[in-house]
């Protein structure tokens, strides 16, 4: 796959196959989680110094969101455990620190 094809996939102009291509080990998913958190950190830094074009930042942000959604990374719970702590690095969905919304019936 060429770099142009990769950029088209990132931009969302080319539909991705829905068939399972390859199963990932937990170690591979943890590696992807590190990548996700690096992208998140880069977006924070770029946003702080505004030294990037907005379209490039949008591509980075969309890439991070696709990675997060595809692999179901979760925000950590805050110190009280009842809200997401979006400023903390995301974790795997089965991590005990992972935050999930719980509907409370009043």
PDB file of N, CA and C in Angstrom:
ATOM      1  N   UNK A   1       0.846  -1.173   0.000  1.00  0.00           N
ATOM      2  CA  UNK A   1       0.000   0.000   0.000  1.00  0.00           C
ATOM      3  C   UNK A   1       0.891   1.236   0.000  1.00  0.00           C
ATOM      4  N   UNK A   2       0.616   2.161  -0.873  1.00  0.00           N
ATOM      5  CA  UNK A   2       1.426   3.373  -0.968  1.00  0.00           C
ATOM      6  C   UNK A   2       1.009   4.370   0.102  1.00  0.00           C
ATOM      7  N   UNK A   3       1.834   5.375   0.335  1.00  0.00           N
ATOM      8  CA  UNK A   3       1.500   6.398   1.326  1.00  0.00           C
ATOM      9  C   UNK A   3       0.255   7.175   0.908  1.00  0.00           C
ATOM     10  N   UNK A   4       0.052   7.334  -0.413  1.00  0.00           N
ATOM     11  CA  UNK A   4      -1.150   8.031  -0.886  1.00  0.00           C
ATOM     12  C   UNK A   4      -2.407   7.223  -0.559  1.00  0.00           C
ATOM     13  N   UNK A   5      -2.330   5.906  -0.725  1.00  0.00           N
ATOM     14  CA  UNK A   5      -3.468   5.045  -0.403  1.00  0.00           C
ATOM     15  C   UNK A   5      -3.770   5.072   1.095  1.00  0.00           C
ATOM     16  N   UNK A   6      -2.714   5.095   1.899  1.00  0.00           N
ATOM     17  CA  UNK A   6      -2.898   5.176   3.346  1.00  0.00           C
ATOM     18  C   UNK A   6      -3.585   6.483   3.715  1.00  0.00           C
ATOM     19  N   UNK A   7      -3.155   7.590   3.127  1.00  0.00           N
ATOM     20  CA  UNK A   7      -3.777   8.882   3.422  1.00  0.00           C
ATOM     21  C   UNK A   7      -5.238   8.903   2.990  1.00  0.00           C
ATOM     22  N   UNK A   8      -5.573   8.257   1.884  1.00  0.00           N
ATOM     23  CA  UNK A   8      -6.967   8.185   1.449  1.00  0.00           C
ATOM     24  C   UNK A   8      -7.806   7.415   2.459  1.00  0.00           C
ATOM     25  N   UNK A   9      -7.249   6.327   3.008  1.00  0.00           N
ATOM     26  CA  UNK A   9      -7.964   5.578   4.035  1.00  0.00           C
ATOM     27  C   UNK A   9      -8.164   6.417   5.286  1.00  0.00           C
ATOM     28  N   UNK A  10      -7.135   7.152   5.681  1.00  0.00           N
ATOM     29  CA  UNK A  10      -7.222   7.993   6.868  1.00  0.00           C
ATOM     30  C   UNK A  10      -8.267   9.075   6.677  1.00  0.00           C
ATOM     31  N   UNK A  11      -8.304   9.663   5.492  1.00  0.00           N
ATOM     32  CA  UNK A  11      -9.280  10.715   5.216  1.00  0.00           C
ATOM     33  C   UNK A  11     -10.696  10.163   5.122  1.00  0.00           C
ATOM     34  N   UNK A  12     -10.836   8.874   4.934  1.00  0.00           N
ATOM     35  CA  UNK A  12     -12.155   8.272   4.868  1.00  0.00           C
ATOM     36  C   UNK A  12     -12.750   8.250   3.484  1.00  0.00           C
ATOM     37  N   UNK A  13     -11.961   8.533   2.440  1.00  0.00           N
ATOM     38  CA  UNK A  13     -12.478   8.560   1.083  1.00  0.00           C
ATOM     39  C   UNK A  13     -12.594   7.166   0.476  1.00  0.00           C
ATOM     40  N   UNK A  14     -11.924   6.187   1.055  1.00  0.00           N
ATOM     41  CA  UNK A  14     -11.931   4.834   0.522  1.00  0.00           C
ATOM     42  C   UNK A  14     -12.534   3.911   1.575  1.00  0.00           C
ATOM     43  N   UNK A  15     -13.608   3.177   1.242  1.00  0.00           N
ATOM     44  CA  UNK A  15     -14.188   2.280   2.251  1.00  0.00           C
ATOM     45  C   UNK A  15     -13.231   1.140   2.576  1.00  0.00           C
ATOM     46  N   UNK A  16     -13.150   0.818   3.847  1.00  0.00           N
ATOM     47  CA  UNK A  16     -12.296  -0.278   4.277  1.00  0.00           C
ATOM     48  C   UNK A  16     -13.102  -1.577   4.242  1.00  0.00           C
ATOM     49  N   UNK A  17     -12.436  -2.689   4.040  1.00  0.00           N
ATOM     50  CA  UNK A  17     -13.098  -3.984   4.042  1.00  0.00           C
ATOM     51  C   UNK A  17     -13.637  -4.282   5.437  1.00  0.00           C
ATOM     52  N   UNK A  18     -14.769  -4.925   5.502  1.00  0.00           N
ATOM     53  CA  UNK A  18     -15.353  -5.260   6.796  1.00  0.00           C
ATOM     54  C   UNK A  18     -15.010  -6.669   7.230  1.00  0.00           C
ATOM     55  N   UNK A  19     -14.321  -7.425   6.376  1.00  0.00           N
ATOM     56  CA  UNK A  19     -13.921  -8.776   6.730  1.00  0.00           C
ATOM     57  C   UNK A  19     -12.723  -8.730   7.674  1.00  0.00           C
ATOM     58  N   UNK A  20     -12.680  -9.698   8.563  1.00  0.00           N
ATOM     59  CA  UNK A  20     -11.554  -9.803   9.484  1.00  0.00           C
ATOM     60  C   UNK A  20     -10.302 -10.128   8.692  1.00  0.00           C
ATOM     61  N   UNK A  21      -9.320  -9.269   8.801  1.00  0.00           N
ATOM     62  CA  UNK A  21      -8.072  -9.465   8.059  1.00  0.00           C
ATOM     63  C   UNK A  21      -7.102 -10.307   8.866  1.00  0.00           C
ATOM     64  N   UNK A  22      -7.001  -9.969  10.139  1.00  0.00           N
ATOM     65  CA  UNK A  22      -6.029 -10.647  10.985  1.00  0.00           C
ATOM     66  C   UNK A  22      -6.441 -10.463  12.431  1.00  0.00           C
ATOM     67  N   UNK A  23      -6.265 -11.489  13.228  1.00  0.00           N
ATOM     68  CA  UNK A  23      -6.530 -11.363  14.647  1.00  0.00           C
ATOM     69  C   UNK A  23      -5.297 -10.773  15.326  1.00  0.00           C
ATOM     70  N   UNK A  24      -5.550  -9.933  16.297  1.00  0.00           N
ATOM     71  CA  UNK A  24      -4.452  -9.294  17.013  1.00  0.00           C
ATOM     72  C   UNK A  24      -4.294  -9.923  18.389  1.00  0.00           C
ATOM     73  N   UNK A  25      -3.058 -10.052  18.820  1.00  0.00           N
ATOM     74  CA  UNK A  25      -2.804 -10.505  20.184  1.00  0.00           C
ATOM     75  C   UNK A  25      -2.983  -9.324  21.118  1.00  0.00           C
ATOM     76  N   UNK A  26      -3.100  -9.599  22.396  1.00  0.00           N
ATOM     77  CA  UNK A  26      -3.222  -8.526  23.377  1.00  0.00           C
ATOM     78  C   UNK A  26      -1.989  -7.613  23.313  1.00  0.00           C
ATOM     79  N   UNK A  27      -0.814  -8.192  23.129  1.00  0.00           N
ATOM     80  CA  UNK A  27       0.412  -7.398  23.032  1.00  0.00           C
ATOM     81  C   UNK A  27       0.354  -6.429  21.850  1.00  0.00           C
ATOM     82  N   UNK A  28      -0.178  -6.886  20.714  1.00  0.00           N
ATOM     83  CA  UNK A  28      -0.310  -6.014  19.540  1.00  0.00           C
ATOM     84  C   UNK A  28      -1.299  -4.885  19.802  1.00  0.00           C
ATOM     85  N   UNK A  29      -2.399  -5.191  20.483  1.00  0.00           N
ATOM     86  CA  UNK A  29      -3.390  -4.157  20.800  1.00  0.00           C
ATOM     87  C   UNK A  29      -2.804  -3.156  21.787  1.00  0.00           C
ATOM     88  N   UNK A  30      -2.002  -3.632  22.730  1.00  0.00           N
ATOM     89  CA  UNK A  30      -1.342  -2.713  23.667  1.00  0.00           C
ATOM     90  C   UNK A  30      -0.388  -1.793  22.918  1.00  0.00           C
ATOM     91  N   UNK A  31       0.293  -2.315  21.896  1.00  0.00           N
ATOM     92  CA  UNK A  31       1.164  -1.477  21.065  1.00  0.00           C
ATOM     93  C   UNK A  31       0.344  -0.404  20.358  1.00  0.00           C
ATOM     94  N   UNK A  32      -0.808  -0.792  19.834  1.00  0.00           N
ATOM     95  CA  UNK A  32      -1.690   0.182  19.172  1.00  0.00           C
ATOM     96  C   UNK A  32      -2.218   1.206  20.172  1.00  0.00           C
ATOM     97  N   UNK A  33      -2.445   0.787  21.399  1.00  0.00           N
ATOM     98  CA  UNK A  33      -2.871   1.725  22.441  1.00  0.00           C
ATOM     99  C   UNK A  33      -1.790   2.772  22.688  1.00  0.00           C
ATOM    100  N   UNK A  34      -0.540   2.365  22.711  1.00  0.00           N
ATOM    101  CA  UNK A  34       0.572   3.315  22.858  1.00  0.00           C
ATOM    102  C   UNK A  34       0.552   4.309  21.701  1.00  0.00           C
ATOM    103  N   UNK A  35       0.336   3.802  20.486  1.00  0.00           N
ATOM    104  CA  UNK A  35       0.227   4.669  19.311  1.00  0.00           C
ATOM    105  C   UNK A  35      -0.912   5.663  19.473  1.00  0.00           C
ATOM    106  N   UNK A  36      -2.053   5.183  19.902  1.00  0.00           N
ATOM    107  CA  UNK A  36      -3.207   6.057  20.140  1.00  0.00           C
ATOM    108  C   UNK A  36      -2.855   7.172  21.116  1.00  0.00           C
ATOM    109  N   UNK A  37      -2.232   6.810  22.216  1.00  0.00           N
ATOM    110  CA  UNK A  37      -1.903   7.808  23.236  1.00  0.00           C
ATOM    111  C   UNK A  37      -0.844   8.791  22.733  1.00  0.00           C
ATOM    112  N   UNK A  38       0.072   8.334  21.869  1.00  0.00           N
ATOM    113  CA  UNK A  38       1.039   9.253  21.249  1.00  0.00           C
ATOM    114  C   UNK A  38       0.324  10.244  20.338  1.00  0.00           C
ATOM    115  N   UNK A  39      -0.616   9.760  19.530  1.00  0.00           N
ATOM    116  CA  UNK A  39      -1.405  10.663  18.681  1.00  0.00           C
ATOM    117  C   UNK A  39      -2.155  11.681  19.528  1.00  0.00           C
ATOM    118  N   UNK A  40      -2.736  11.217  20.621  1.00  0.00           N
ATOM    119  CA  UNK A  40      -3.474  12.111  21.520  1.00  0.00           C
ATOM    120  C   UNK A  40      -2.562  13.195  22.079  1.00  0.00           C
ATOM    121  N   UNK A  41      -1.362  12.799  22.513  1.00  0.00           N
ATOM    122  CA  UNK A  41      -0.389  13.764  23.035  1.00  0.00           C
ATOM    123  C   UNK A  41       0.038  14.765  21.957  1.00  0.00           C
ATOM    124  N   UNK A  42       0.253  14.275  20.723  1.00  0.00           N
ATOM    125  CA  UNK A  42       0.647  15.158  19.623  1.00  0.00           C
ATOM    126  C   UNK A  42      -0.435  16.192  19.352  1.00  0.00           C
ATOM    127  N   UNK A  43      -1.679  15.767  19.356  1.00  0.00           N
ATOM    128  CA  UNK A  43      -2.790  16.700  19.127  1.00  0.00           C
ATOM    129  C   UNK A  43      -2.837  17.776  20.213  1.00  0.00           C
ATOM    130  N   UNK A  44      -2.598  17.375  21.450  1.00  0.00           N
ATOM    131  CA  UNK A  44      -2.577  18.349  22.548  1.00  0.00           C
ATOM    132  C   UNK A  44      -1.465  19.376  22.345  1.00  0.00           C
ATOM    133  N   UNK A  45      -0.279  18.905  21.981  1.00  0.00           N
ATOM    134  CA  UNK A  45       0.863  19.805  21.770  1.00  0.00           C
ATOM    135  C   UNK A  45       0.624  20.726  20.580  1.00  0.00           C
ATOM    136  N   UNK A  46       0.142  20.159  19.489  1.00  0.00           N
ATOM    137  CA  UNK A  46      -0.133  20.965  18.293  1.00  0.00           C
ATOM    138  C   UNK A  46      -1.165  22.028  18.602  1.00  0.00           C
ATOM    139  N   UNK A  47      -2.207  21.646  19.317  1.00  0.00           N
ATOM    140  CA  UNK A  47      -3.244  22.600  19.684  1.00  0.00           C
ATOM    141  C   UNK A  47      -2.711  23.720  20.567  1.00  0.00           C
ATOM    142  N   UNK A  48      -1.708  23.412  21.374  1.00  0.00           N
ATOM    143  CA  UNK A  48      -1.149  24.421  22.268  1.00  0.00           C
ATOM    144  C   UNK A  48      -0.294  25.458  21.563  1.00  0.00           C
ATOM    145  N   UNK A  49       0.414  25.054  20.509  1.00  0.00           N
ATOM    146  CA  UNK A  49       1.306  26.004  19.833  1.00  0.00           C
ATOM    147  C   UNK A  49       0.766  26.455  18.476  1.00  0.00           C
ATOM    148  N   UNK A  50      -0.295  25.814  17.992  1.00  0.00           N
ATOM    149  CA  UNK A  50      -0.937  26.168  16.726  1.00  0.00           C
ATOM    150  C   UNK A  50       0.055  26.268  15.567  1.00  0.00           C
ATOM    151  N   UNK A  51       0.975  25.331  15.514  1.00  0.00           N
ATOM    152  CA  UNK A  51       1.965  25.320  14.442  1.00  0.00           C
ATOM    153  C   UNK A  51       1.698  24.175  13.483  1.00  0.00           C
ATOM    154  N   UNK A  52       0.484  24.163  12.914  1.00  0.00           N
ATOM    155  CA  UNK A  52       0.090  23.125  11.972  1.00  0.00           C
ATOM    156  C   UNK A  52      -1.151  23.623  11.239  1.00  0.00           C
ATOM    157  N   UNK A  53      -1.377  23.129  10.032  1.00  0.00           N
ATOM    158  CA  UNK A  53      -2.592  23.524   9.330  1.00  0.00           C
ATOM    159  C   UNK A  53      -3.777  22.807   9.965  1.00  0.00           C
ATOM    160  N   UNK A  54      -4.924  23.422   9.896  1.00  0.00           N
ATOM    161  CA  UNK A  54      -6.114  22.830  10.496  1.00  0.00           C
ATOM    162  C   UNK A  54      -6.514  21.530   9.801  1.00  0.00           C
ATOM    163  N   UNK A  55      -6.308  21.458   8.501  1.00  0.00           N
ATOM    164  CA  UNK A  55      -6.668  20.222   7.800  1.00  0.00           C
ATOM    165  C   UNK A  55      -5.780  19.062   8.238  1.00  0.00           C
ATOM    166  N   UNK A  56      -4.504  19.318   8.487  1.00  0.00           N
ATOM    167  CA  UNK A  56      -3.608  18.271   8.970  1.00  0.00           C
ATOM    168  C   UNK A  56      -4.004  17.842  10.374  1.00  0.00           C
ATOM    169  N   UNK A  57      -4.357  18.792  11.197  1.00  0.00           N
ATOM    170  CA  UNK A  57      -4.792  18.468  12.545  1.00  0.00           C
ATOM    171  C   UNK A  57      -6.088  17.655  12.509  1.00  0.00           C
ATOM    172  N   UNK A  58      -6.998  17.984  11.583  1.00  0.00           N
ATOM    173  CA  UNK A  58      -8.235  17.228  11.453  1.00  0.00           C
ATOM    174  C   UNK A  58      -7.938  15.781  11.070  1.00  0.00           C
ATOM    175  N   UNK A  59      -6.997  15.576  10.160  1.00  0.00           N
ATOM    176  CA  UNK A  59      -6.633  14.221   9.748  1.00  0.00           C
ATOM    177  C   UNK A  59      -6.046  13.449  10.931  1.00  0.00           C
ATOM    178  N   UNK A  60      -5.167  14.093  11.690  1.00  0.00           N
ATOM    179  CA  UNK A  60      -4.601  13.443  12.873  1.00  0.00           C
ATOM    180  C   UNK A  60      -5.696  13.076  13.874  1.00  0.00           C
ATOM    181  N   UNK A  61      -6.599  14.009  14.103  1.00  0.00           N
ATOM    182  CA  UNK A  61      -7.665  13.782  15.068  1.00  0.00           C
ATOM    183  C   UNK A  61      -8.602  12.664  14.593  1.00  0.00           C
ATOM    184  N   UNK A  62      -8.979  12.680  13.333  1.00  0.00           N
ATOM    185  CA  UNK A  62      -9.844  11.628  12.807  1.00  0.00           C
ATOM    186  C   UNK A  62      -9.160  10.269  12.869  1.00  0.00           C
ATOM    187  N   UNK A  63      -7.851  10.247  12.639  1.00  0.00           N
ATOM    188  CA  UNK A  63      -7.095   8.993  12.727  1.00  0.00           C
ATOM    189  C   UNK A  63      -7.124   8.453  14.149  1.00  0.00           C
ATOM    190  N   UNK A  64      -6.932   9.330  15.100  1.00  0.00           N
ATOM    191  CA  UNK A  64      -6.952   8.918  16.496  1.00  0.00           C
ATOM    192  C   UNK A  64      -8.331   8.390  16.876  1.00  0.00           C
ATOM    193  N   UNK A  65      -9.377   9.088  16.456  1.00  0.00           N
ATOM    194  CA  UNK A  65     -10.737   8.643  16.772  1.00  0.00           C
ATOM    195  C   UNK A  65     -11.049   7.292  16.141  1.00  0.00           C
ATOM    196  N   UNK A  66     -10.610   7.086  14.883  1.00  0.00           N
ATOM    197  CA  UNK A  66     -10.840   5.797  14.224  1.00  0.00           C
ATOM    198  C   UNK A  66     -10.125   4.675  14.969  1.00  0.00           C
ATOM    199  N   UNK A  67      -8.890   4.930  15.368  1.00  0.00           N
ATOM    200  CA  UNK A  67      -8.130   3.941  16.119  1.00  0.00           C
ATOM    201  C   UNK A  67      -8.818   3.651  17.448  1.00  0.00           C
ATOM    202  N   UNK A  68      -9.232   4.688  18.148  1.00  0.00           N
ATOM    203  CA  UNK A  68      -9.900   4.552  19.444  1.00  0.00           C
ATOM    204  C   UNK A  68     -11.203   3.769  19.307  1.00  0.00           C
ATOM    205  N   UNK A  69     -12.011   4.119  18.316  1.00  0.00           N
ATOM    206  CA  UNK A  69     -13.304   3.464  18.144  1.00  0.00           C
ATOM    207  C   UNK A  69     -13.167   2.025  17.657  1.00  0.00           C
ATOM    208  N   UNK A  70     -12.262   1.801  16.724  1.00  0.00           N
ATOM    209  CA  UNK A  70     -12.077   0.468  16.171  1.00  0.00           C
ATOM    210  C   UNK A  70     -11.638  -0.525  17.235  1.00  0.00           C
ATOM    211  N   UNK A  71     -10.713  -0.104  18.079  1.00  0.00           N
ATOM    212  CA  UNK A  71     -10.163  -1.007  19.093  1.00  0.00           C
ATOM    213  C   UNK A  71     -10.833  -0.854  20.451  1.00  0.00           C
ATOM    214  N   UNK A  72     -11.854   0.007  20.512  1.00  0.00           N
ATOM    215  CA  UNK A  72     -12.676   0.176  21.717  1.00  0.00           C
ATOM    216  C   UNK A  72     -11.853   0.572  22.950  1.00  0.00           C
ATOM    217  N   UNK A  73     -10.895   1.486  22.739  1.00  0.00           N
ATOM    218  CA  UNK A  73     -10.154   2.022  23.874  1.00  0.00           C
ATOM    219  C   UNK A  73     -11.106   2.843  24.730  1.00  0.00           C
ATOM    220  N   UNK A  74     -10.880   2.837  26.021  1.00  0.00           N
ATOM    221  CA  UNK A  74     -11.779   3.512  26.963  1.00  0.00           C
ATOM    222  C   UNK A  74     -11.021   4.588  27.742  1.00  0.00           C
ATOM    223  N   UNK A  75     -11.725   5.683  28.102  1.00  0.00           N
ATOM    224  CA  UNK A  75     -11.094   6.634  29.013  1.00  0.00           C
ATOM    225  C   UNK A  75     -11.007   6.002  30.398  1.00  0.00           C
ATOM    226  N   UNK A  76     -10.054   6.478  31.169  1.00  0.00           N
ATOM    227  CA  UNK A  76      -9.971   6.020  32.554  1.00  0.00           C
ATOM    228  C   UNK A  76     -11.049   6.720  33.373  1.00  0.00           C
ATOM    229  N   UNK A  77     -11.470   6.075  34.442  1.00  0.00           N
ATOM    230  CA  UNK A  77     -12.406   6.702  35.365  1.00  0.00           C
ATOM    231  C   UNK A  77     -11.656   7.753  36.171  1.00  0.00           C
ATOM    232  N   UNK A  78     -12.380   8.798  36.605  1.00  0.00           N
ATOM    233  CA  UNK A  78     -11.762   9.801  37.465  1.00  0.00           C
ATOM    234  C   UNK A  78     -11.517   9.189  38.848  1.00  0.00           C
ATOM    235  N   UNK A  79     -10.969   9.975  39.759  1.00  0.00           N
ATOM    236  CA  UNK A  79     -10.589   9.444  41.065  1.00  0.00           C
ATOM    237  C   UNK A  79     -11.782   8.910  41.854  1.00  0.00           C
ATOM    238  N   UNK A  80     -12.974   9.467  41.611  1.00  0.00           N
ATOM    239  CA  UNK A  80     -14.176   8.980  42.290  1.00  0.00           C
ATOM    240  C   UNK A  80     -14.788   7.783  41.562  1.00  0.00           C
ATOM    241  N   UNK A  81     -14.370   7.558  40.314  1.00  0.00           N
ATOM    242  CA  UNK A  81     -14.845   6.422  39.554  1.00  0.00           C
ATOM    243  C   UNK A  81     -16.178   6.609  38.864  1.00  0.00           C
ATOM    244  N   UNK A  82     -16.710   7.841  38.859  1.00  0.00           N
ATOM    245  CA  UNK A  82     -18.040   8.028  38.282  1.00  0.00           C
ATOM    246  C   UNK A  82     -18.079   8.893  37.024  1.00  0.00           C
ATOM    247  N   UNK A  83     -16.928   9.347  36.560  1.00  0.00           N
ATOM    248  CA  UNK A  83     -16.858  10.159  35.336  1.00  0.00           C
ATOM    249  C   UNK A  83     -15.604   9.788  34.561  1.00  0.00           C
ATOM    250  N   UNK A  84     -15.639  10.022  33.243  1.00  0.00           N
ATOM    251  CA  UNK A  84     -14.426   9.752  32.468  1.00  0.00           C
ATOM    252  C   UNK A  84     -13.376  10.826  32.717  1.00  0.00           C
ATOM    253  N   UNK A  85     -12.130  10.421  32.784  1.00  0.00           N
ATOM    254  CA  UNK A  85     -11.007  11.346  32.940  1.00  0.00           C
ATOM    255  C   UNK A  85     -10.298  11.425  31.588  1.00  0.00           C
ATOM    256  N   UNK A  86     -10.832  12.262  30.690  1.00  0.00           N
ATOM    257  CA  UNK A  86     -10.323  12.321  29.320  1.00  0.00           C
ATOM    258  C   UNK A  86      -8.893  12.870  29.234  1.00  0.00           C
ATOM    259  N   UNK A  87      -8.387  13.483  30.278  1.00  0.00           N
ATOM    260  CA  UNK A  87      -7.021  14.011  30.278  1.00  0.00           C
ATOM    261  C   UNK A  87      -6.000  12.913  30.574  1.00  0.00           C
ATOM    262  N   UNK A  88      -6.458  11.766  31.032  1.00  0.00           N
ATOM    263  CA  UNK A  88      -5.563  10.642  31.306  1.00  0.00           C
ATOM    264  C   UNK A  88      -5.447   9.778  30.044  1.00  0.00           C
ATOM    265  N   UNK A  89      -4.353   9.027  29.903  1.00  0.00           N
ATOM    266  CA  UNK A  89      -4.238   8.135  28.753  1.00  0.00           C
ATOM    267  C   UNK A  89      -5.374   7.106  28.740  1.00  0.00           C
ATOM    268  N   UNK A  90      -5.847   6.790  27.545  1.00  0.00           N
ATOM    269  CA  UNK A  90      -6.893   5.780  27.406  1.00  0.00           C
ATOM    270  C   UNK A  90      -6.327   4.407  27.732  1.00  0.00           C
ATOM    271  N   UNK A  91      -7.220   3.468  28.042  1.00  0.00           N
ATOM    272  CA  UNK A  91      -6.820   2.111  28.422  1.00  0.00           C
ATOM    273  C   UNK A  91      -7.630   1.103  27.611  1.00  0.00           C
ATOM    274  N   UNK A  92      -7.234  -0.165  27.668  1.00  0.00           N
ATOM    275  CA  UNK A  92      -7.988  -1.222  27.001  1.00  0.00           C
ATOM    276  C   UNK A  92      -9.347  -1.396  27.674  1.00  0.00           C
ATOM    277  N   UNK A  93     -10.317  -1.913  26.924  1.00  0.00           N
ATOM    278  CA  UNK A  93     -11.691  -1.988  27.423  1.00  0.00           C
ATOM    279  C   UNK A  93     -11.842  -2.888  28.646  1.00  0.00           C
ATOM    280  N   UNK A  94     -10.941  -3.846  28.858  1.00  0.00           N
ATOM    281  CA  UNK A  94     -11.050  -4.729  30.022  1.00  0.00           C
ATOM    282  C   UNK A  94     -10.147  -4.305  31.180  1.00  0.00           C
ATOM    283  N   UNK A  95      -9.522  -3.153  31.048  1.00  0.00           N
ATOM    284  CA  UNK A  95      -8.670  -2.624  32.120  1.00  0.00           C
ATOM    285  C   UNK A  95      -9.567  -2.204  33.292  1.00  0.00           C
ATOM    286  N   UNK A  96      -9.195  -2.529  34.521  1.00  0.00           N
ATOM    287  CA  UNK A  96     -10.031  -2.141  35.670  1.00  0.00           C
ATOM    288  C   UNK A  96     -10.171  -0.618  35.828  1.00  0.00           C
ATOM    289  N   UNK A  97      -9.282   0.160  35.212  1.00  0.00           N
ATOM    290  CA  UNK A  97      -9.395   1.623  35.294  1.00  0.00           C
ATOM    291  C   UNK A  97     -10.340   2.186  34.243  1.00  0.00           C
ATOM    292  N   UNK A  98     -10.830   1.346  33.319  1.00  0.00           N
ATOM    293  CA  UNK A  98     -11.679   1.808  32.217  1.00  0.00           C
ATOM    294  C   UNK A  98     -13.012   2.325  32.760  1.00  0.00           C
ATOM    295  N   UNK A  99     -13.452   3.454  32.201  1.00  0.00           N
ATOM    296  CA  UNK A  99     -14.726   4.047  32.595  1.00  0.00           C
ATOM    297  C   UNK A  99     -15.817   3.617  31.629  1.00  0.00           C
ATOM    298  N   UNK A 100     -16.987   3.251  32.189  1.00  0.00           N
ATOM    299  CA  UNK A 100     -18.180   2.946  31.407  1.00  0.00           C
ATOM    300  C   UNK A 100     -19.350   3.692  32.012  1.00  0.00           C
ATOM    301  N   UNK A 101     -20.217   4.202  31.156  1.00  0.00           N
ATOM    302  CA  UNK A 101     -21.413   4.883  31.608  1.00  0.00           C
ATOM    303  C   UNK A 101     -22.363   3.859  32.215  1.00  0.00           C
ATOM    304  N   UNK A 102     -22.848   4.183  33.394  1.00  0.00           N
ATOM    305  CA  UNK A 102     -23.843   3.324  34.027  1.00  0.00           C
ATOM    306  C   UNK A 102     -25.107   4.139  34.224  1.00  0.00           C
ATOM    307  N   UNK A 103     -26.191   3.655  33.615  1.00  0.00           N
ATOM    308  CA  UNK A 103     -27.464   4.357  33.749  1.00  0.00           C
ATOM    309  C   UNK A 103     -28.025   4.103  35.143  1.00  0.00           C
ATOM    310  N   UNK A 104     -28.398   5.172  35.819  1.00  0.00           N
ATOM    311  CA  UNK A 104     -28.959   5.077  37.159  1.00  0.00           C
ATOM    312  C   UNK A 104     -30.459   5.310  37.046  1.00  0.00           C
ATOM    313  N   UNK A 105     -31.233   4.336  37.467  1.00  0.00           N
ATOM    314  CA  UNK A 105     -32.698   4.479  37.449  1.00  0.00           C
ATOM    315  C   UNK A 105     -33.143   5.195  38.699  1.00  0.00           C
ATOM    316  N   UNK A 106     -33.785   6.351  38.501  1.00  0.00           N
ATOM    317  CA  UNK A 106     -34.217   7.148  39.663  1.00  0.00           C
ATOM    318  C   UNK A 106     -35.621   6.800  40.073  1.00  0.00           C
TER     319      UNK A 106
END
